[in-house]
Amino acid sequence: MAMTTPRPAVEAPAAKCTPACEMDHMLDPADAAFARLAVEHPECCSTAADYPGWTCGGAS
């Protein structure tokens, strides 16, 4: 029986600091098409004018 030396576990570079939810996006085959949507159809994107008075976190 041949003996082999086990290799150390190596993480994928993208997985080192990438949250699981972002990994899901990276693996989703429809994600690229969704990402192109804003580029191909900017008229469908929201702007600040669509939400007057809105502030991040709900602060006034």
C-alpha atoms as a PDB file:
ATOM      1  CA  MET A   1       0.000   0.000   0.000  1.00  0.00           C
ATOM      2  CA  ALA A   2       1.429   3.375  -1.063  1.00  0.00           C
ATOM      3  CA  MET A   3       1.684   6.090   1.523  1.00  0.00           C
ATOM      4  CA  THR A   4       0.880   9.659   0.605  1.00  0.00           C
ATOM      5  CA  THR A   5       1.481  12.838   2.510  1.00  0.00           C
ATOM      6  CA  PRO A   6      -1.753  14.729   3.085  1.00  0.00           C
ATOM      7  CA  ARG A   7      -1.839  18.194   1.617  1.00  0.00           C
ATOM      8  CA  PRO A   8      -2.763  21.113   3.846  1.00  0.00           C
ATOM      9  CA  ALA A   9      -6.265  22.491   3.379  1.00  0.00           C
ATOM     10  CA  VAL A  10      -6.235  25.539   1.126  1.00  0.00           C
ATOM     11  CA  GLU A  11      -9.137  27.957   1.022  1.00  0.00           C
ATOM     12  CA  ALA A  12     -10.320  29.372  -2.267  1.00  0.00           C
ATOM     13  CA  PRO A  13      -9.033  32.966  -2.527  1.00  0.00           C
ATOM     14  CA  ALA A  14     -12.537  34.435  -2.914  1.00  0.00           C
ATOM     15  CA  ALA A  15     -13.811  32.532   0.109  1.00  0.00           C
ATOM     16  CA  LYS A  16     -11.286  33.946   2.606  1.00  0.00           C
ATOM     17  CA  CYS A  17     -13.233  37.072   3.523  1.00  0.00           C
ATOM     18  CA  THR A  18     -16.374  36.752   1.450  1.00  0.00           C
ATOM     19  CA  PRO A  19     -19.672  36.362   3.343  1.00  0.00           C
ATOM     20  CA  ALA A  20     -21.798  33.353   2.429  1.00  0.00           C
ATOM     21  CA  CYS A  21     -24.509  35.548   0.901  1.00  0.00           C
ATOM     22  CA  GLU A  22     -21.957  37.031  -1.525  1.00  0.00           C
ATOM     23  CA  MET A  23     -20.711  33.552  -2.404  1.00  0.00           C
ATOM     24  CA  ASP A  24     -24.301  32.648  -3.322  1.00  0.00           C
ATOM     25  CA  HIS A  25     -24.381  35.579  -5.745  1.00  0.00           C
ATOM     26  CA  MET A  26     -21.083  34.550  -7.261  1.00  0.00           C
ATOM     27  CA  LEU A  27     -22.425  31.060  -7.924  1.00  0.00           C
ATOM     28  CA  ASP A  28     -25.870  32.140  -9.186  1.00  0.00           C
ATOM     29  CA  PRO A  29     -26.045  31.723 -12.993  1.00  0.00           C
ATOM     30  CA  ALA A  30     -28.673  34.501 -13.242  1.00  0.00           C
ATOM     31  CA  ASP A  31     -26.570  37.000 -11.279  1.00  0.00           C
ATOM     32  CA  ALA A  32     -24.594  38.226 -14.305  1.00  0.00           C
ATOM     33  CA  ALA A  33     -27.797  38.946 -16.201  1.00  0.00           C
ATOM     34  CA  PHE A  34     -29.212  40.810 -13.202  1.00  0.00           C
ATOM     35  CA  ALA A  35     -26.016  42.835 -12.845  1.00  0.00           C
ATOM     36  CA  ARG A  36     -26.234  43.916 -16.506  1.00  0.00           C
ATOM     37  CA  LEU A  37     -29.822  45.130 -16.032  1.00  0.00           C
ATOM     38  CA  ALA A  38     -28.822  48.561 -14.707  1.00  0.00           C
ATOM     39  CA  VAL A  39     -26.324  49.048 -17.520  1.00  0.00           C
ATOM     40  CA  GLU A  40     -28.699  47.988 -20.288  1.00  0.00           C
ATOM     41  CA  HIS A  41     -31.818  49.680 -18.842  1.00  0.00           C
ATOM     42  CA  PRO A  42     -30.822  52.718 -16.746  1.00  0.00           C
ATOM     43  CA  GLU A  43     -34.347  54.111 -17.148  1.00  0.00           C
ATOM     44  CA  CYS A  44     -35.559  51.335 -14.824  1.00  0.00           C
ATOM     45  CA  CYS A  45     -33.197  52.262 -11.983  1.00  0.00           C
ATOM     46  CA  SER A  46     -34.258  54.244  -8.945  1.00  0.00           C
ATOM     47  CA  THR A  47     -32.713  57.615  -8.238  1.00  0.00           C
ATOM     48  CA  ALA A  48     -32.703  59.906  -5.208  1.00  0.00           C
ATOM     49  CA  ALA A  49     -35.598  61.813  -6.815  1.00  0.00           C
ATOM     50  CA  ASP A  50     -37.751  58.671  -6.443  1.00  0.00           C
ATOM     51  CA  TYR A  51     -37.429  58.807  -2.635  1.00  0.00           C
ATOM     52  CA  PRO A  52     -37.615  62.455  -1.494  1.00  0.00           C
ATOM     53  CA  GLY A  53     -36.777  62.909   2.160  1.00  0.00           C
ATOM     54  CA  TRP A  54     -35.313  59.422   2.615  1.00  0.00           C
ATOM     55  CA  THR A  55     -32.147  59.136   4.679  1.00  0.00           C
ATOM     56  CA  CYS A  56     -29.993  56.123   5.287  1.00  0.00           C
ATOM     57  CA  GLY A  57     -30.958  54.344   8.501  1.00  0.00           C
ATOM     58  CA  GLY A  58     -34.164  56.320   8.809  1.00  0.00           C
ATOM     59  CA  ALA A  59     -32.511  59.288  10.525  1.00  0.00           C
ATOM     60  CA  SER A  60     -34.184  62.618   9.885  1.00  0.00           C
END
